[in-house]
N, C-alpha and C. Protein backbone atom coordinates (compact mmCIF):
# COMPACT_ATOMS: atom_id res chain seq x y z
N MET A 1 -57.45 -51.19 -111.35
CA MET A 1 -58.48 -50.92 -112.33
C MET A 1 -59.29 -52.20 -112.56
N LYS A 2 -60.58 -52.04 -112.72
CA LYS A 2 -61.46 -53.18 -112.97
C LYS A 2 -61.28 -53.66 -114.40
N ARG A 3 -61.58 -54.91 -114.64
CA ARG A 3 -61.31 -55.54 -115.95
C ARG A 3 -62.09 -54.95 -117.11
N LEU A 4 -63.27 -54.38 -116.87
CA LEU A 4 -64.10 -53.88 -117.97
C LEU A 4 -64.30 -52.37 -117.94
N THR A 5 -63.42 -51.67 -117.26
CA THR A 5 -63.50 -50.22 -117.20
C THR A 5 -63.47 -49.63 -118.61
N ASN A 6 -64.36 -48.68 -118.86
CA ASN A 6 -64.49 -47.98 -120.15
C ASN A 6 -65.02 -48.86 -121.28
N LYS A 7 -65.56 -50.01 -120.97
CA LYS A 7 -66.17 -50.87 -121.99
C LYS A 7 -67.69 -50.67 -121.97
N VAL A 8 -68.29 -50.74 -123.15
CA VAL A 8 -69.74 -50.63 -123.29
C VAL A 8 -70.24 -51.99 -123.78
N ALA A 9 -71.16 -52.59 -123.01
CA ALA A 9 -71.63 -53.93 -123.32
C ALA A 9 -73.15 -53.96 -123.49
N ILE A 10 -73.60 -54.52 -124.61
CA ILE A 10 -75.02 -54.80 -124.80
C ILE A 10 -75.24 -56.25 -124.37
N ILE A 11 -76.23 -56.44 -123.50
CA ILE A 11 -76.56 -57.78 -123.02
C ILE A 11 -78.04 -58.02 -123.30
N THR A 12 -78.33 -58.96 -124.18
CA THR A 12 -79.73 -59.25 -124.51
C THR A 12 -80.29 -60.25 -123.51
N GLY A 13 -81.60 -60.21 -123.34
CA GLY A 13 -82.24 -61.11 -122.38
C GLY A 13 -81.71 -60.88 -120.98
N ALA A 14 -81.41 -59.62 -120.67
CA ALA A 14 -80.70 -59.29 -119.43
C ALA A 14 -81.61 -58.99 -118.25
N ALA A 15 -82.92 -59.08 -118.42
CA ALA A 15 -83.82 -58.75 -117.32
C ALA A 15 -83.93 -59.86 -116.29
N SER A 16 -83.43 -61.05 -116.62
CA SER A 16 -83.52 -62.16 -115.67
C SER A 16 -82.47 -63.21 -116.03
N GLY A 17 -82.31 -64.17 -115.16
CA GLY A 17 -81.47 -65.33 -115.42
C GLY A 17 -80.01 -65.00 -115.68
N MET A 18 -79.41 -65.72 -116.63
CA MET A 18 -78.00 -65.55 -116.94
C MET A 18 -77.69 -64.14 -117.44
N GLY A 19 -78.61 -63.55 -118.19
CA GLY A 19 -78.40 -62.19 -118.67
C GLY A 19 -78.31 -61.20 -117.53
N GLU A 20 -79.19 -61.34 -116.55
CA GLU A 20 -79.15 -60.46 -115.38
C GLU A 20 -77.84 -60.62 -114.62
N THR A 21 -77.43 -61.86 -114.41
CA THR A 21 -76.17 -62.12 -113.71
C THR A 21 -75.00 -61.52 -114.48
N THR A 22 -75.00 -61.68 -115.79
CA THR A 22 -73.93 -61.11 -116.62
C THR A 22 -73.90 -59.60 -116.49
N ALA A 23 -75.07 -58.96 -116.53
CA ALA A 23 -75.13 -57.50 -116.39
C ALA A 23 -74.56 -57.05 -115.05
N ARG A 24 -74.90 -57.75 -113.99
CA ARG A 24 -74.40 -57.40 -112.65
C ARG A 24 -72.88 -57.56 -112.57
N VAL A 25 -72.36 -58.66 -113.10
CA VAL A 25 -70.91 -58.90 -113.07
C VAL A 25 -70.18 -57.86 -113.91
N PHE A 26 -70.68 -57.58 -115.11
CA PHE A 26 -70.03 -56.59 -115.97
C PHE A 26 -70.03 -55.21 -115.30
N ALA A 27 -71.15 -54.83 -114.67
CA ALA A 27 -71.20 -53.53 -113.98
C ALA A 27 -70.20 -53.50 -112.83
N ARG A 28 -70.14 -54.58 -112.07
CA ARG A 28 -69.17 -54.66 -110.97
C ARG A 28 -67.74 -54.52 -111.48
N GLU A 29 -67.50 -55.03 -112.68
CA GLU A 29 -66.15 -54.98 -113.26
C GLU A 29 -65.89 -53.70 -114.04
N GLY A 30 -66.81 -52.73 -113.97
CA GLY A 30 -66.55 -51.41 -114.53
C GLY A 30 -67.20 -51.09 -115.86
N ALA A 31 -67.92 -52.02 -116.45
CA ALA A 31 -68.54 -51.77 -117.76
C ALA A 31 -69.79 -50.91 -117.63
N THR A 32 -70.10 -50.21 -118.70
CA THR A 32 -71.43 -49.63 -118.87
C THR A 32 -72.26 -50.73 -119.51
N VAL A 33 -73.38 -51.08 -118.88
CA VAL A 33 -74.19 -52.20 -119.37
C VAL A 33 -75.49 -51.70 -119.98
N ILE A 34 -75.76 -52.18 -121.18
CA ILE A 34 -77.01 -51.89 -121.87
C ILE A 34 -77.86 -53.14 -121.71
N ILE A 35 -78.90 -53.01 -120.90
CA ILE A 35 -79.76 -54.13 -120.55
C ILE A 35 -80.94 -54.14 -121.51
N THR A 36 -81.01 -55.16 -122.37
CA THR A 36 -82.13 -55.25 -123.30
C THR A 36 -82.94 -56.50 -123.01
N ASP A 37 -84.24 -56.37 -123.24
CA ASP A 37 -85.16 -57.47 -122.99
C ASP A 37 -86.53 -57.03 -123.49
N VAL A 38 -87.49 -57.93 -123.47
CA VAL A 38 -88.87 -57.57 -123.80
C VAL A 38 -89.68 -57.27 -122.54
N GLN A 39 -89.11 -57.52 -121.38
CA GLN A 39 -89.79 -57.32 -120.09
C GLN A 39 -89.48 -55.93 -119.54
N GLU A 40 -90.30 -54.96 -119.89
CA GLU A 40 -90.01 -53.56 -119.57
C GLU A 40 -89.85 -53.30 -118.07
N GLN A 41 -90.75 -53.78 -117.25
CA GLN A 41 -90.65 -53.49 -115.82
C GLN A 41 -89.42 -54.15 -115.20
N ALA A 42 -89.11 -55.37 -115.63
CA ALA A 42 -87.93 -56.05 -115.12
C ALA A 42 -86.66 -55.30 -115.51
N ILE A 43 -86.63 -54.71 -116.71
CA ILE A 43 -85.49 -53.89 -117.13
C ILE A 43 -85.35 -52.70 -116.19
N LYS A 44 -86.44 -51.99 -115.96
CA LYS A 44 -86.41 -50.81 -115.09
C LYS A 44 -85.92 -51.17 -113.70
N ASP A 45 -86.40 -52.28 -113.16
CA ASP A 45 -86.00 -52.70 -111.82
C ASP A 45 -84.51 -53.02 -111.76
N LEU A 46 -84.00 -53.72 -112.76
CA LEU A 46 -82.59 -54.09 -112.78
C LEU A 46 -81.70 -52.87 -112.96
N VAL A 47 -82.07 -51.97 -113.86
CA VAL A 47 -81.30 -50.74 -114.06
C VAL A 47 -81.22 -49.97 -112.75
N ALA A 48 -82.34 -49.82 -112.06
CA ALA A 48 -82.35 -49.09 -110.79
C ALA A 48 -81.47 -49.78 -109.76
N ASP A 49 -81.52 -51.09 -109.70
CA ASP A 49 -80.71 -51.84 -108.75
C ASP A 49 -79.22 -51.68 -109.03
N ILE A 50 -78.83 -51.83 -110.30
CA ILE A 50 -77.41 -51.68 -110.67
C ILE A 50 -76.94 -50.26 -110.42
N GLN A 51 -77.74 -49.28 -110.79
CA GLN A 51 -77.34 -47.89 -110.57
C GLN A 51 -77.23 -47.59 -109.08
N GLY A 52 -78.10 -48.18 -108.27
CA GLY A 52 -78.01 -47.99 -106.83
C GLY A 52 -76.73 -48.55 -106.25
N GLU A 53 -76.23 -49.61 -106.85
CA GLU A 53 -75.01 -50.25 -106.35
C GLU A 53 -73.73 -49.71 -106.97
N TYR A 54 -73.75 -49.39 -108.28
CA TYR A 54 -72.52 -49.04 -108.99
C TYR A 54 -72.53 -47.65 -109.61
N GLY A 55 -73.61 -46.91 -109.51
CA GLY A 55 -73.68 -45.59 -110.12
C GLY A 55 -74.34 -45.64 -111.49
N ASP A 56 -74.17 -44.58 -112.24
CA ASP A 56 -74.84 -44.42 -113.54
C ASP A 56 -74.13 -45.23 -114.63
N VAL A 57 -74.23 -46.55 -114.53
CA VAL A 57 -73.52 -47.43 -115.48
C VAL A 57 -74.47 -48.36 -116.23
N ALA A 58 -75.79 -48.12 -116.11
CA ALA A 58 -76.74 -49.02 -116.76
C ALA A 58 -77.79 -48.24 -117.53
N LEU A 59 -78.11 -48.76 -118.70
CA LEU A 59 -79.18 -48.21 -119.54
C LEU A 59 -80.07 -49.37 -119.94
N GLY A 60 -81.37 -49.21 -119.80
CA GLY A 60 -82.31 -50.26 -120.20
C GLY A 60 -83.04 -49.89 -121.47
N ILE A 61 -83.18 -50.86 -122.37
CA ILE A 61 -83.89 -50.64 -123.63
C ILE A 61 -84.79 -51.85 -123.88
N VAL A 62 -86.08 -51.59 -124.12
CA VAL A 62 -86.98 -52.66 -124.53
C VAL A 62 -86.59 -53.05 -125.95
N HIS A 63 -86.40 -54.35 -126.16
CA HIS A 63 -85.77 -54.79 -127.41
C HIS A 63 -86.24 -56.20 -127.76
N ASP A 64 -86.80 -56.35 -128.94
CA ASP A 64 -87.18 -57.66 -129.48
C ASP A 64 -86.06 -58.12 -130.40
N ILE A 65 -85.26 -59.07 -129.95
CA ILE A 65 -84.09 -59.46 -130.74
C ILE A 65 -84.44 -60.08 -132.08
N ALA A 66 -85.65 -60.58 -132.24
CA ALA A 66 -86.05 -61.20 -133.51
C ALA A 66 -86.40 -60.17 -134.58
N ASP A 67 -86.40 -58.90 -134.21
CA ASP A 67 -86.78 -57.82 -135.12
C ASP A 67 -85.54 -57.05 -135.58
N GLU A 68 -85.24 -57.14 -136.85
CA GLU A 68 -84.05 -56.48 -137.42
C GLU A 68 -84.04 -54.98 -137.12
N GLN A 69 -85.17 -54.32 -137.27
CA GLN A 69 -85.24 -52.87 -137.03
C GLN A 69 -84.98 -52.53 -135.57
N SER A 70 -85.38 -53.40 -134.67
CA SER A 70 -85.13 -53.19 -133.25
C SER A 70 -83.62 -53.20 -132.97
N TRP A 71 -82.91 -54.10 -133.63
CA TRP A 71 -81.45 -54.14 -133.49
C TRP A 71 -80.81 -52.85 -133.99
N THR A 72 -81.26 -52.38 -135.13
CA THR A 72 -80.72 -51.13 -135.68
C THR A 72 -80.95 -49.99 -134.71
N LYS A 73 -82.16 -49.90 -134.17
CA LYS A 73 -82.49 -48.85 -133.20
C LYS A 73 -81.59 -48.92 -131.96
N VAL A 74 -81.42 -50.12 -131.43
CA VAL A 74 -80.59 -50.29 -130.22
C VAL A 74 -79.15 -49.88 -130.49
N THR A 75 -78.57 -50.39 -131.57
CA THR A 75 -77.16 -50.06 -131.83
C THR A 75 -76.98 -48.58 -132.11
N GLN A 76 -77.89 -47.97 -132.84
CA GLN A 76 -77.78 -46.53 -133.10
C GLN A 76 -77.90 -45.73 -131.82
N GLU A 77 -78.83 -46.11 -130.94
CA GLU A 77 -79.00 -45.40 -129.67
C GLU A 77 -77.76 -45.52 -128.79
N VAL A 78 -77.20 -46.70 -128.72
CA VAL A 78 -76.02 -46.92 -127.88
C VAL A 78 -74.82 -46.15 -128.43
N VAL A 79 -74.58 -46.23 -129.72
CA VAL A 79 -73.45 -45.50 -130.31
C VAL A 79 -73.64 -43.99 -130.16
N ALA A 80 -74.86 -43.50 -130.33
CA ALA A 80 -75.12 -42.07 -130.17
C ALA A 80 -74.83 -41.61 -128.75
N LYS A 81 -75.15 -42.44 -127.78
CA LYS A 81 -74.98 -42.07 -126.37
C LYS A 81 -73.56 -42.30 -125.86
N PHE A 82 -72.94 -43.42 -126.27
CA PHE A 82 -71.65 -43.81 -125.70
C PHE A 82 -70.49 -43.79 -126.70
N GLY A 83 -70.79 -43.65 -127.99
CA GLY A 83 -69.74 -43.55 -128.99
C GLY A 83 -69.18 -44.87 -129.48
N LYS A 84 -69.59 -45.98 -128.88
CA LYS A 84 -69.02 -47.27 -129.26
C LYS A 84 -69.81 -48.40 -128.64
N ILE A 85 -69.55 -49.60 -129.12
CA ILE A 85 -70.02 -50.84 -128.51
C ILE A 85 -68.81 -51.77 -128.50
N ASP A 86 -68.41 -52.19 -127.32
CA ASP A 86 -67.24 -53.06 -127.20
C ASP A 86 -67.60 -54.53 -127.10
N ILE A 87 -68.73 -54.82 -126.48
CA ILE A 87 -69.08 -56.20 -126.16
C ILE A 87 -70.56 -56.43 -126.49
N LEU A 88 -70.84 -57.57 -127.11
CA LEU A 88 -72.21 -58.02 -127.31
C LEU A 88 -72.35 -59.39 -126.66
N VAL A 89 -73.27 -59.51 -125.72
CA VAL A 89 -73.61 -60.81 -125.13
C VAL A 89 -75.00 -61.16 -125.67
N ASN A 90 -75.02 -62.02 -126.67
CA ASN A 90 -76.27 -62.43 -127.33
C ASN A 90 -76.90 -63.55 -126.50
N ASN A 91 -77.49 -63.17 -125.38
CA ASN A 91 -78.00 -64.13 -124.40
C ASN A 91 -79.47 -64.50 -124.58
N ALA A 92 -80.28 -63.60 -125.11
CA ALA A 92 -81.73 -63.82 -125.17
C ALA A 92 -82.08 -65.04 -126.01
N ALA A 93 -83.04 -65.80 -125.52
CA ALA A 93 -83.52 -66.97 -126.25
C ALA A 93 -84.86 -67.40 -125.65
N ILE A 94 -85.56 -68.24 -126.39
CA ILE A 94 -86.78 -68.83 -125.87
C ILE A 94 -86.68 -70.34 -126.01
N GLY A 95 -87.58 -71.04 -125.39
CA GLY A 95 -87.58 -72.50 -125.43
C GLY A 95 -87.22 -73.03 -124.06
N GLY A 96 -85.96 -73.26 -123.85
CA GLY A 96 -85.48 -73.68 -122.55
C GLY A 96 -85.55 -75.17 -122.33
N LYS A 97 -85.15 -75.58 -121.13
CA LYS A 97 -85.01 -77.00 -120.82
C LYS A 97 -86.32 -77.77 -120.85
N ASP A 98 -87.43 -77.10 -120.61
CA ASP A 98 -88.72 -77.78 -120.58
C ASP A 98 -89.41 -77.84 -121.95
N TRP A 99 -88.82 -77.18 -122.94
CA TRP A 99 -89.42 -77.16 -124.27
C TRP A 99 -89.01 -78.42 -125.02
N LYS A 100 -89.96 -79.11 -125.60
CA LYS A 100 -89.67 -80.35 -126.31
C LYS A 100 -89.95 -80.17 -127.80
N TYR A 101 -88.89 -80.19 -128.58
CA TYR A 101 -89.05 -79.96 -130.01
C TYR A 101 -89.92 -81.02 -130.67
N GLU A 102 -89.90 -82.23 -130.14
CA GLU A 102 -90.70 -83.29 -130.77
C GLU A 102 -92.21 -83.07 -130.59
N ASP A 103 -92.59 -82.25 -129.62
CA ASP A 103 -94.00 -81.93 -129.39
C ASP A 103 -94.41 -80.59 -130.01
N ALA A 104 -93.48 -79.89 -130.59
CA ALA A 104 -93.75 -78.53 -131.08
C ALA A 104 -94.46 -78.55 -132.44
N SER A 105 -95.32 -77.58 -132.61
CA SER A 105 -95.93 -77.38 -133.92
C SER A 105 -94.92 -76.65 -134.81
N LEU A 106 -95.19 -76.63 -136.09
CA LEU A 106 -94.33 -75.90 -137.01
C LEU A 106 -94.27 -74.43 -136.63
N GLU A 107 -95.40 -73.86 -136.24
CA GLU A 107 -95.44 -72.45 -135.84
C GLU A 107 -94.56 -72.19 -134.61
N GLU A 108 -94.60 -73.09 -133.63
CA GLU A 108 -93.75 -72.94 -132.44
C GLU A 108 -92.27 -73.05 -132.81
N TRP A 109 -91.94 -74.02 -133.66
CA TRP A 109 -90.56 -74.20 -134.11
C TRP A 109 -90.05 -72.96 -134.85
N GLN A 110 -90.88 -72.41 -135.72
CA GLN A 110 -90.48 -71.21 -136.46
C GLN A 110 -90.25 -70.03 -135.53
N LYS A 111 -91.06 -69.90 -134.49
CA LYS A 111 -90.87 -68.81 -133.52
C LYS A 111 -89.54 -68.99 -132.78
N VAL A 112 -89.25 -70.20 -132.35
CA VAL A 112 -87.99 -70.47 -131.66
C VAL A 112 -86.81 -70.13 -132.57
N MET A 113 -86.87 -70.54 -133.82
CA MET A 113 -85.78 -70.26 -134.76
C MET A 113 -85.66 -68.77 -135.04
N LYS A 114 -86.78 -68.07 -135.14
CA LYS A 114 -86.75 -66.63 -135.39
C LYS A 114 -86.05 -65.91 -134.25
N VAL A 115 -86.39 -66.27 -133.02
CA VAL A 115 -85.78 -65.61 -131.86
C VAL A 115 -84.34 -66.09 -131.67
N ASN A 116 -84.13 -67.39 -131.58
CA ASN A 116 -82.83 -67.92 -131.18
C ASN A 116 -81.77 -67.86 -132.27
N ALA A 117 -82.14 -68.10 -133.51
CA ALA A 117 -81.15 -68.08 -134.60
C ALA A 117 -81.10 -66.72 -135.29
N GLU A 118 -82.26 -66.27 -135.79
CA GLU A 118 -82.27 -64.99 -136.49
C GLU A 118 -81.95 -63.84 -135.53
N GLY A 119 -82.44 -63.92 -134.29
CA GLY A 119 -82.17 -62.86 -133.32
C GLY A 119 -80.68 -62.70 -133.07
N ALA A 120 -79.98 -63.80 -132.93
CA ALA A 120 -78.52 -63.73 -132.74
C ALA A 120 -77.85 -63.17 -134.00
N PHE A 121 -78.30 -63.61 -135.16
CA PHE A 121 -77.74 -63.11 -136.42
C PHE A 121 -77.91 -61.60 -136.53
N TRP A 122 -79.14 -61.10 -136.28
CA TRP A 122 -79.38 -59.66 -136.40
C TRP A 122 -78.56 -58.86 -135.41
N GLY A 123 -78.14 -59.48 -134.32
CA GLY A 123 -77.28 -58.79 -133.37
C GLY A 123 -75.91 -58.47 -133.93
N PHE A 124 -75.40 -59.36 -134.75
CA PHE A 124 -74.06 -59.14 -135.30
C PHE A 124 -74.05 -58.19 -136.49
N VAL A 125 -75.09 -58.21 -137.30
CA VAL A 125 -75.10 -57.42 -138.53
C VAL A 125 -74.88 -55.92 -138.28
N PRO A 126 -75.67 -55.26 -137.42
CA PRO A 126 -75.44 -53.82 -137.21
C PRO A 126 -74.06 -53.53 -136.62
N LEU A 127 -73.56 -54.43 -135.78
CA LEU A 127 -72.25 -54.20 -135.17
C LEU A 127 -71.14 -54.29 -136.20
N CYS A 128 -71.32 -55.10 -137.21
CA CYS A 128 -70.31 -55.19 -138.27
C CYS A 128 -70.25 -53.92 -139.10
N LEU A 129 -71.31 -53.14 -139.08
CA LEU A 129 -71.37 -51.92 -139.89
C LEU A 129 -70.89 -50.68 -139.15
N ILE A 130 -70.55 -50.83 -137.88
CA ILE A 130 -70.09 -49.67 -137.08
C ILE A 130 -68.63 -49.38 -137.39
């Protein structure tokens, strides 16, 4: 038996990079993967690729992690479809290695904090209520 058989995992920022790799590994290990991101076409492409390789184990949802209501919608949709959420990989973030906080405006800093800090926070809140 694979390590994640019968597990349902939400992976944010999963359309590329580490999130995409995590989604592929989780699917290979038997999980149902919920691929969320703001990049709609990239989500569709990844879902199709994973389903082509592992079967009907991927669902893609366009999701802005900085939006509390978006989190509520995602968690409700996943629970309605699969009955549970076992794993949350709060991977989505902005900024990155080339972003320099010392050169950022207040508006840029607030956006980074909204996505990276508040987005992660909003991910846990709905899951605590399930």
